Amino acid sequence: MATQKPTPTISAEQLCALTGLTDKRHRQLAKDGFFPPPIKGEYQFRETINGMFRYYREMTKRARGSLAEQQLAKAKADRELAELEVARQRREVVPTADVERTWTRFIMAVRARLLQLPAKCVVAFPTWTDARACEQWIDAEARDICTELAESPDYDGT
């Protein structure tokens, strides 16, 4: 009966020295199925080395894929920025700050006109004969305010 050759092994320390990884990481890789787990701190040499090469190939493939994804994302972002710049030059888009400034000026103009209403109302009050007259006066004032704001350059952002 022929005797079986013992399977060559590599110690955990030697494997760490070769790969630059910790024994904990090697055990994780073994758990992930790259190679068999160690027995009494000894890894099966051939299977472990093959598993490490497979692990490194997969890591390289992932890194390349990740790099390609990053390059694609950058190209997409560059294209979007270029499209935005073209739209800005065509005046199809307006910077947010300009919109905010215009709306703030407009709201302040509306507020100022509305706050003037009570003082105007006190002056007009003696001329009102009934509720209908009050309603007509308020309607006329509101329309005047809207017309004035529509024609006013105070808030147009230019």
N, C-alpha and C. Protein backbone atom coordinates (compact mmCIF):
# COMPACT_ATOMS: atom_id res chain seq x y z
N MET A 1 0.83 -1.16 0.00
CA MET A 1 0.00 0.00 0.00
C MET A 1 0.89 1.25 0.00
N ALA A 2 0.58 2.18 -0.94
CA ALA A 2 1.39 3.38 -1.09
C ALA A 2 1.00 4.40 -0.03
N THR A 3 2.01 5.06 0.46
CA THR A 3 1.72 6.09 1.46
C THR A 3 1.39 7.40 0.74
N GLN A 4 0.46 8.10 1.32
CA GLN A 4 0.03 9.37 0.73
C GLN A 4 1.01 10.47 1.11
N LYS A 5 1.35 11.29 0.11
CA LYS A 5 2.23 12.42 0.37
C LYS A 5 1.48 13.44 1.22
N PRO A 6 2.12 14.02 2.21
CA PRO A 6 1.44 15.06 2.96
C PRO A 6 1.27 16.31 2.09
N THR A 7 0.15 16.97 2.28
CA THR A 7 -0.13 18.20 1.54
C THR A 7 0.78 19.31 2.06
N PRO A 8 1.49 19.98 1.15
CA PRO A 8 2.36 21.05 1.61
C PRO A 8 1.53 22.17 2.25
N THR A 9 2.04 22.76 3.29
CA THR A 9 1.33 23.83 3.99
C THR A 9 2.21 25.06 4.10
N ILE A 10 1.57 26.15 4.46
CA ILE A 10 2.28 27.40 4.71
C ILE A 10 1.71 27.96 6.01
N SER A 11 2.59 28.43 6.86
CA SER A 11 2.13 28.93 8.15
C SER A 11 1.43 30.28 7.97
N ALA A 12 0.61 30.63 8.95
CA ALA A 12 -0.10 31.90 8.91
C ALA A 12 0.89 33.06 8.84
N GLU A 13 1.99 32.97 9.57
CA GLU A 13 2.99 34.04 9.58
C GLU A 13 3.65 34.20 8.22
N GLN A 14 3.99 33.06 7.59
CA GLN A 14 4.62 33.12 6.27
C GLN A 14 3.65 33.71 5.24
N LEU A 15 2.39 33.30 5.32
CA LEU A 15 1.39 33.81 4.38
C LEU A 15 1.22 35.32 4.56
N CYS A 16 1.21 35.77 5.80
CA CYS A 16 1.11 37.22 6.07
C CYS A 16 2.30 37.96 5.49
N ALA A 17 3.48 37.38 5.63
CA ALA A 17 4.69 38.02 5.10
C ALA A 17 4.64 38.08 3.57
N LEU A 18 4.10 37.06 2.92
CA LEU A 18 4.03 37.03 1.46
C LEU A 18 2.97 37.99 0.91
N THR A 19 1.81 38.02 1.54
CA THR A 19 0.69 38.79 0.98
C THR A 19 0.59 40.21 1.49
N GLY A 20 1.15 40.45 2.67
CA GLY A 20 1.02 41.78 3.26
C GLY A 20 -0.32 41.97 3.96
N LEU A 21 -1.11 40.91 4.04
CA LEU A 21 -2.40 40.97 4.72
C LEU A 21 -2.28 40.36 6.11
N THR A 22 -3.25 40.64 6.94
CA THR A 22 -3.23 40.06 8.29
C THR A 22 -3.84 38.67 8.26
N ASP A 23 -3.58 37.91 9.32
CA ASP A 23 -4.17 36.57 9.41
C ASP A 23 -5.69 36.67 9.51
N LYS A 24 -6.18 37.72 10.15
CA LYS A 24 -7.63 37.92 10.25
C LYS A 24 -8.24 38.07 8.85
N ARG A 25 -7.55 38.83 7.99
CA ARG A 25 -8.04 39.01 6.62
C ARG A 25 -7.97 37.70 5.85
N HIS A 26 -6.90 36.94 6.06
CA HIS A 26 -6.80 35.63 5.40
C HIS A 26 -7.96 34.74 5.81
N ARG A 27 -8.30 34.76 7.08
CA ARG A 27 -9.42 33.93 7.56
C ARG A 27 -10.74 34.40 6.94
N GLN A 28 -10.89 35.71 6.76
CA GLN A 28 -12.09 36.23 6.09
C GLN A 28 -12.16 35.72 4.65
N LEU A 29 -11.02 35.76 3.96
CA LEU A 29 -10.97 35.27 2.58
C LEU A 29 -11.28 33.78 2.51
N ALA A 30 -10.77 33.05 3.50
CA ALA A 30 -11.08 31.61 3.55
C ALA A 30 -12.57 31.41 3.77
N LYS A 31 -13.15 32.20 4.65
CA LYS A 31 -14.59 32.11 4.92
C LYS A 31 -15.39 32.47 3.67
N ASP A 32 -14.86 33.41 2.87
CA ASP A 32 -15.53 33.81 1.61
C ASP A 32 -15.34 32.79 0.50
N GLY A 33 -14.57 31.74 0.76
CA GLY A 33 -14.44 30.65 -0.20
C GLY A 33 -13.28 30.75 -1.16
N PHE A 34 -12.34 31.64 -0.93
CA PHE A 34 -11.19 31.75 -1.83
C PHE A 34 -10.23 30.57 -1.65
N PHE A 35 -10.13 30.06 -0.44
CA PHE A 35 -9.27 28.90 -0.17
C PHE A 35 -9.74 28.27 1.15
N PRO A 36 -9.30 27.04 1.42
CA PRO A 36 -9.73 26.38 2.66
C PRO A 36 -9.19 27.10 3.91
N PRO A 37 -9.92 27.04 5.01
CA PRO A 37 -9.45 27.68 6.24
C PRO A 37 -8.23 26.95 6.79
N PRO A 38 -7.46 27.61 7.64
CA PRO A 38 -6.26 26.97 8.19
C PRO A 38 -6.61 25.87 9.19
N ILE A 39 -5.71 24.95 9.28
CA ILE A 39 -5.82 23.89 10.29
C ILE A 39 -4.62 24.05 11.19
N LYS A 40 -4.88 24.37 12.44
CA LYS A 40 -3.83 24.60 13.43
C LYS A 40 -2.81 25.64 12.95
N GLY A 41 -3.32 26.73 12.37
CA GLY A 41 -2.45 27.82 11.93
C GLY A 41 -1.71 27.55 10.65
N GLU A 42 -2.02 26.46 9.95
CA GLU A 42 -1.36 26.11 8.69
C GLU A 42 -2.38 26.10 7.56
N TYR A 43 -2.04 26.79 6.48
CA TYR A 43 -2.90 26.84 5.29
C TYR A 43 -2.38 25.85 4.27
N GLN A 44 -3.28 25.25 3.49
CA GLN A 44 -2.87 24.37 2.40
C GLN A 44 -2.20 25.25 1.35
N PHE A 45 -0.97 24.94 1.03
CA PHE A 45 -0.15 25.82 0.22
C PHE A 45 -0.75 26.12 -1.16
N ARG A 46 -0.95 25.07 -1.95
CA ARG A 46 -1.39 25.24 -3.33
C ARG A 46 -2.75 25.93 -3.41
N GLU A 47 -3.72 25.44 -2.64
CA GLU A 47 -5.08 25.99 -2.67
C GLU A 47 -5.09 27.45 -2.20
N THR A 48 -4.28 27.73 -1.18
CA THR A 48 -4.25 29.09 -0.64
C THR A 48 -3.62 30.06 -1.63
N ILE A 49 -2.51 29.66 -2.24
CA ILE A 49 -1.87 30.54 -3.23
C ILE A 49 -2.79 30.77 -4.42
N ASN A 50 -3.42 29.69 -4.91
CA ASN A 50 -4.37 29.84 -6.01
C ASN A 50 -5.52 30.78 -5.61
N GLY A 51 -6.01 30.61 -4.40
CA GLY A 51 -7.10 31.46 -3.91
C GLY A 51 -6.69 32.92 -3.80
N MET A 52 -5.46 33.16 -3.37
CA MET A 52 -4.97 34.53 -3.27
C MET A 52 -4.87 35.17 -4.65
N PHE A 53 -4.37 34.40 -5.63
CA PHE A 53 -4.32 34.94 -6.99
C PHE A 53 -5.72 35.26 -7.50
N ARG A 54 -6.69 34.37 -7.23
CA ARG A 54 -8.07 34.62 -7.64
C ARG A 54 -8.61 35.88 -6.96
N TYR A 55 -8.32 36.02 -5.67
CA TYR A 55 -8.75 37.21 -4.92
C TYR A 55 -8.16 38.47 -5.54
N TYR A 56 -6.85 38.46 -5.83
CA TYR A 56 -6.21 39.64 -6.41
C TYR A 56 -6.76 39.96 -7.80
N ARG A 57 -7.06 38.93 -8.61
CA ARG A 57 -7.66 39.16 -9.93
C ARG A 57 -9.02 39.84 -9.78
N GLU A 58 -9.82 39.33 -8.85
CA GLU A 58 -11.15 39.92 -8.63
C GLU A 58 -11.05 41.36 -8.15
N MET A 59 -10.09 41.62 -7.27
CA MET A 59 -9.91 42.99 -6.77
C MET A 59 -9.50 43.91 -7.91
N THR A 60 -8.63 43.45 -8.78
CA THR A 60 -8.20 44.24 -9.93
C THR A 60 -9.37 44.51 -10.87
N LYS A 61 -10.17 43.47 -11.10
CA LYS A 61 -11.34 43.62 -11.97
C LYS A 61 -12.32 44.63 -11.38
N ARG A 62 -12.55 44.55 -10.08
CA ARG A 62 -13.45 45.50 -9.41
C ARG A 62 -12.90 46.91 -9.51
N ALA A 63 -11.60 47.04 -9.28
CA ALA A 63 -10.98 48.37 -9.33
C ALA A 63 -11.11 48.96 -10.72
N ARG A 64 -10.88 48.13 -11.74
CA ARG A 64 -11.03 48.62 -13.11
C ARG A 64 -12.47 49.01 -13.39
N GLY A 65 -13.40 48.17 -12.92
CA GLY A 65 -14.81 48.47 -13.11
C GLY A 65 -15.18 49.75 -12.38
N SER A 66 -14.67 49.91 -11.18
CA SER A 66 -14.94 51.10 -10.40
C SER A 66 -14.36 52.33 -11.09
N LEU A 67 -13.15 52.20 -11.61
CA LEU A 67 -12.52 53.30 -12.32
C LEU A 67 -13.33 53.65 -13.56
N ALA A 68 -13.77 52.65 -14.29
CA ALA A 68 -14.58 52.91 -15.49
C ALA A 68 -15.88 53.60 -15.12
N GLU A 69 -16.49 53.16 -14.01
CA GLU A 69 -17.74 53.80 -13.56
C GLU A 69 -17.48 55.25 -13.17
N GLN A 70 -16.36 55.50 -12.50
CA GLN A 70 -16.02 56.86 -12.11
C GLN A 70 -15.76 57.74 -13.33
N GLN A 71 -15.06 57.18 -14.32
CA GLN A 71 -14.79 57.94 -15.53
C GLN A 71 -16.08 58.24 -16.27
N LEU A 72 -17.00 57.26 -16.31
CA LEU A 72 -18.29 57.48 -16.95
C LEU A 72 -19.09 58.55 -16.21
N ALA A 73 -19.09 58.49 -14.88
CA ALA A 73 -19.80 59.49 -14.09
C ALA A 73 -19.21 60.88 -14.31
N LYS A 74 -17.88 60.97 -14.38
CA LYS A 74 -17.24 62.26 -14.62
C LYS A 74 -17.59 62.79 -16.00
N ALA A 75 -17.57 61.92 -17.00
CA ALA A 75 -17.93 62.35 -18.36
C ALA A 75 -19.37 62.84 -18.40
N LYS A 76 -20.25 62.13 -17.70
CA LYS A 76 -21.67 62.55 -17.64
C LYS A 76 -21.80 63.90 -16.96
N ALA A 77 -21.10 64.09 -15.85
CA ALA A 77 -21.16 65.37 -15.13
C ALA A 77 -20.60 66.50 -15.99
N ASP A 78 -19.49 66.24 -16.69
CA ASP A 78 -18.91 67.25 -17.58
C ASP A 78 -19.89 67.63 -18.68
N ARG A 79 -20.57 66.61 -19.25
CA ARG A 79 -21.54 66.88 -20.30
C ARG A 79 -22.70 67.73 -19.77
N GLU A 80 -23.19 67.39 -18.57
CA GLU A 80 -24.29 68.14 -17.98
C GLU A 80 -23.89 69.58 -17.71
N LEU A 81 -22.65 69.78 -17.23
CA LEU A 81 -22.17 71.14 -17.00
C LEU A 81 -22.08 71.92 -18.31
N ALA A 82 -21.60 71.26 -19.35
CA ALA A 82 -21.51 71.93 -20.66
C ALA A 82 -22.90 72.28 -21.17
N GLU A 83 -23.86 71.38 -21.01
CA GLU A 83 -25.23 71.66 -21.44
C GLU A 83 -25.82 72.83 -20.65
N LEU A 84 -25.53 72.86 -19.35
CA LEU A 84 -26.01 73.95 -18.50
C LEU A 84 -25.41 75.28 -18.93
N GLU A 85 -24.12 75.27 -19.25
CA GLU A 85 -23.46 76.49 -19.69
C GLU A 85 -24.06 76.99 -21.01
N VAL A 86 -24.33 76.07 -21.94
CA VAL A 86 -24.95 76.46 -23.20
C VAL A 86 -26.34 77.04 -22.94
N ALA A 87 -27.11 76.40 -22.07
CA ALA A 87 -28.44 76.90 -21.73
C ALA A 87 -28.35 78.28 -21.07
N ARG A 88 -27.34 78.48 -20.23
CA ARG A 88 -27.17 79.79 -19.58
C ARG A 88 -26.84 80.85 -20.62
N GLN A 89 -25.98 80.52 -21.59
CA GLN A 89 -25.63 81.49 -22.63
C GLN A 89 -26.83 81.81 -23.52
N ARG A 90 -27.69 80.85 -23.72
CA ARG A 90 -28.90 81.08 -24.51
C ARG A 90 -30.00 81.75 -23.70
N ARG A 91 -29.72 81.96 -22.40
CA ARG A 91 -30.67 82.55 -21.46
C ARG A 91 -31.91 81.68 -21.28
N GLU A 92 -31.70 80.35 -21.36
CA GLU A 92 -32.78 79.40 -21.12
C GLU A 92 -32.88 79.06 -19.63
N VAL A 93 -31.81 79.33 -18.89
CA VAL A 93 -31.81 79.12 -17.44
C VAL A 93 -31.30 80.40 -16.78
N VAL A 94 -31.70 80.57 -15.54
CA VAL A 94 -31.31 81.75 -14.79
C VAL A 94 -30.67 81.28 -13.48
N PRO A 95 -29.59 81.90 -13.08
CA PRO A 95 -28.98 81.51 -11.80
C PRO A 95 -29.96 81.67 -10.64
N THR A 96 -29.90 80.75 -9.72
CA THR A 96 -30.80 80.75 -8.56
C THR A 96 -30.71 82.05 -7.79
N ALA A 97 -29.53 82.58 -7.63
CA ALA A 97 -29.35 83.83 -6.88
C ALA A 97 -30.13 84.97 -7.52
N ASP A 98 -30.16 85.01 -8.86
CA ASP A 98 -30.92 86.06 -9.55
C ASP A 98 -32.42 85.91 -9.31
N VAL A 99 -32.90 84.68 -9.35
CA VAL A 99 -34.32 84.43 -9.11
C VAL A 99 -34.68 84.80 -7.67
N GLU A 100 -33.83 84.39 -6.75
CA GLU A 100 -34.09 84.70 -5.33
C GLU A 100 -34.09 86.21 -5.10
N ARG A 101 -33.14 86.92 -5.67
CA ARG A 101 -33.06 88.38 -5.53
C ARG A 101 -34.31 89.05 -6.10
N THR A 102 -34.75 88.61 -7.27
CA THR A 102 -35.93 89.19 -7.89
C THR A 102 -37.18 88.95 -7.05
N TRP A 103 -37.36 87.70 -6.58
CA TRP A 103 -38.53 87.39 -5.77
C TRP A 103 -38.50 88.17 -4.45
N THR A 104 -37.34 88.31 -3.85
CA THR A 104 -37.25 89.07 -2.61
C THR A 104 -37.65 90.52 -2.83
N ARG A 105 -37.15 91.12 -3.88
CA ARG A 105 -37.52 92.51 -4.20
C ARG A 105 -39.02 92.62 -4.47
N PHE A 106 -39.56 91.66 -5.20
CA PHE A 106 -40.98 91.69 -5.53
C PHE A 106 -41.83 91.58 -4.26
N ILE A 107 -41.51 90.63 -3.40
CA ILE A 107 -42.27 90.44 -2.17
C ILE A 107 -42.17 91.68 -1.28
N MET A 108 -41.00 92.28 -1.22
CA MET A 108 -40.84 93.50 -0.42
C MET A 108 -41.68 94.64 -1.00
N ALA A 109 -41.76 94.72 -2.32
CA ALA A 109 -42.59 95.75 -2.95
C ALA A 109 -44.06 95.51 -2.65
N VAL A 110 -44.51 94.25 -2.74
CA VAL A 110 -45.90 93.91 -2.41
C VAL A 110 -46.18 94.26 -0.95
N ARG A 111 -45.27 93.88 -0.09
CA ARG A 111 -45.43 94.16 1.35
C ARG A 111 -45.56 95.66 1.61
N ALA A 112 -44.69 96.44 0.99
CA ALA A 112 -44.73 97.90 1.19
C ALA A 112 -46.07 98.47 0.73
N ARG A 113 -46.55 98.01 -0.42
CA ARG A 113 -47.84 98.53 -0.94
C ARG A 113 -49.00 98.11 -0.04
N LEU A 114 -48.96 96.87 0.44
CA LEU A 114 -50.04 96.39 1.31
C LEU A 114 -50.04 97.11 2.66
N LEU A 115 -48.87 97.42 3.18
CA LEU A 115 -48.80 98.13 4.45
C LEU A 115 -49.27 99.57 4.34
N GLN A 116 -49.34 100.10 3.13
CA GLN A 116 -49.86 101.46 2.92
C GLN A 116 -51.39 101.49 2.92
N LEU A 117 -52.02 100.33 2.74
CA LEU A 117 -53.48 100.28 2.64
C LEU A 117 -54.22 100.84 3.86
N PRO A 118 -53.83 100.50 5.08
CA PRO A 118 -54.60 101.05 6.22
C PRO A 118 -54.61 102.58 6.25
N ALA A 119 -53.46 103.20 5.97
CA ALA A 119 -53.42 104.67 5.97
C ALA A 119 -54.33 105.24 4.89
N LYS A 120 -54.33 104.64 3.71
CA LYS A 120 -55.21 105.09 2.63
C LYS A 120 -56.67 104.85 2.99
N CYS A 121 -56.91 103.75 3.66
CA CYS A 121 -58.26 103.37 4.03
C CYS A 121 -58.85 104.40 5.01
N VAL A 122 -58.05 104.85 5.96
CA VAL A 122 -58.52 105.84 6.94
C VAL A 122 -58.94 107.13 6.23
N VAL A 123 -58.18 107.53 5.23
CA VAL A 123 -58.50 108.75 4.49
C VAL A 123 -59.78 108.55 3.68
N ALA A 124 -59.93 107.37 3.08
CA ALA A 124 -61.09 107.12 2.21
C ALA A 124 -62.35 106.77 2.99
N PHE A 125 -62.21 106.37 4.24
CA PHE A 125 -63.34 105.88 5.04
C PHE A 125 -64.55 106.84 5.06
N PRO A 126 -64.35 108.14 5.25
CA PRO A 126 -65.53 109.03 5.30
C PRO A 126 -66.34 109.08 4.01
N THR A 127 -65.73 108.70 2.89
CA THR A 127 -66.45 108.77 1.61
C THR A 127 -67.32 107.54 1.36
N TRP A 128 -67.16 106.49 2.15
CA TRP A 128 -67.92 105.28 1.92
C TRP A 128 -69.34 105.43 2.47
N THR A 129 -70.29 105.05 1.67
CA THR A 129 -71.68 105.14 2.11
C THR A 129 -72.23 103.80 2.56
N ASP A 130 -71.65 102.71 2.04
CA ASP A 130 -72.09 101.37 2.44
C ASP A 130 -70.98 100.35 2.20
N ALA A 131 -71.26 99.09 2.46
CA ALA A 131 -70.27 98.01 2.30
C ALA A 131 -69.84 97.88 0.85
N ARG A 132 -70.77 98.11 -0.06
CA ARG A 132 -70.44 98.01 -1.49
C ARG A 132 -69.38 99.04 -1.88
N ALA A 133 -69.48 100.22 -1.36
CA ALA A 133 -68.51 101.29 -1.64
C ALA A 133 -67.14 100.89 -1.10
N CYS A 134 -67.11 100.29 0.09
CA CYS A 134 -65.85 99.81 0.69
C CYS A 134 -65.23 98.75 -0.21
N GLU A 135 -66.06 97.80 -0.66
CA GLU A 135 -65.57 96.72 -1.52
C GLU A 135 -65.00 97.27 -2.82
N GLN A 136 -65.69 98.25 -3.42
CA GLN A 136 -65.22 98.83 -4.67
C GLN A 136 -63.90 99.58 -4.48
N TRP A 137 -63.80 100.29 -3.34
CA TRP A 137 -62.57 101.02 -3.07
C TRP A 137 -61.39 100.05 -2.90
N ILE A 138 -61.59 98.98 -2.12
CA ILE A 138 -60.53 98.00 -1.90
C ILE A 138 -60.15 97.32 -3.21
N ASP A 139 -61.14 96.98 -4.03
CA ASP A 139 -60.87 96.37 -5.34
C ASP A 139 -60.05 97.30 -6.21
N ALA A 140 -60.41 98.58 -6.23
CA ALA A 140 -59.68 99.56 -7.05
C ALA A 140 -58.24 99.71 -6.55
N GLU A 141 -58.07 99.76 -5.23
CA GLU A 141 -56.72 99.88 -4.67
C GLU A 141 -55.87 98.64 -5.01
N ALA A 142 -56.46 97.45 -4.89
CA ALA A 142 -55.74 96.21 -5.20
C ALA A 142 -55.31 96.20 -6.66
N ARG A 143 -56.20 96.62 -7.53
CA ARG A 143 -55.85 96.68 -8.96
C ARG A 143 -54.76 97.71 -9.23
N ASP A 144 -54.83 98.85 -8.55
CA ASP A 144 -53.78 99.87 -8.70
C ASP A 144 -52.42 99.32 -8.25
N ILE A 145 -52.43 98.60 -7.12
CA ILE A 145 -51.19 98.02 -6.62
C ILE A 145 -50.64 97.02 -7.64
N CYS A 146 -51.49 96.15 -8.16
CA CYS A 146 -51.04 95.15 -9.15
C CYS A 146 -50.50 95.82 -10.40
N THR A 147 -51.19 96.86 -10.89
CA THR A 147 -50.74 97.58 -12.08
C THR A 147 -49.40 98.26 -11.81
N GLU A 148 -49.29 98.90 -10.65
CA GLU A 148 -48.06 99.59 -10.30
C GLU A 148 -46.89 98.60 -10.21
N LEU A 149 -47.13 97.44 -9.59
CA LEU A 149 -46.07 96.45 -9.47
C LEU A 149 -45.69 95.85 -10.82
N ALA A 150 -46.68 95.68 -11.69
CA ALA A 150 -46.40 95.11 -13.01
C ALA A 150 -45.54 96.05 -13.86
N GLU A 151 -45.69 97.34 -13.63
CA GLU A 151 -44.96 98.33 -14.43
C GLU A 151 -43.69 98.82 -13.75
N SER A 152 -43.49 98.44 -12.50
CA SER A 152 -42.38 98.98 -11.71
C SER A 152 -41.07 98.20 -11.96
N PRO A 153 -39.97 98.92 -12.15
CA PRO A 153 -38.68 98.26 -12.29
C PRO A 153 -37.99 98.01 -10.94
N ASP A 154 -38.68 98.31 -9.84
CA ASP A 154 -38.07 98.20 -8.51
C ASP A 154 -37.60 96.79 -8.18
N TYR A 155 -38.22 95.80 -8.71
CA TYR A 155 -37.93 94.42 -8.30
C TYR A 155 -37.57 93.49 -9.45
N ASP A 156 -37.32 94.00 -10.63
CA ASP A 156 -37.13 93.15 -11.81
C ASP A 156 -35.79 92.45 -11.88
N GLY A 157 -34.90 92.69 -10.94
CA GLY A 157 -33.64 91.95 -10.89
C GLY A 157 -32.59 92.44 -11.87
N THR A 158 -32.86 93.50 -12.59
CA THR A 158 -31.85 93.99 -13.53
C THR A 158 -30.98 95.04 -12.90
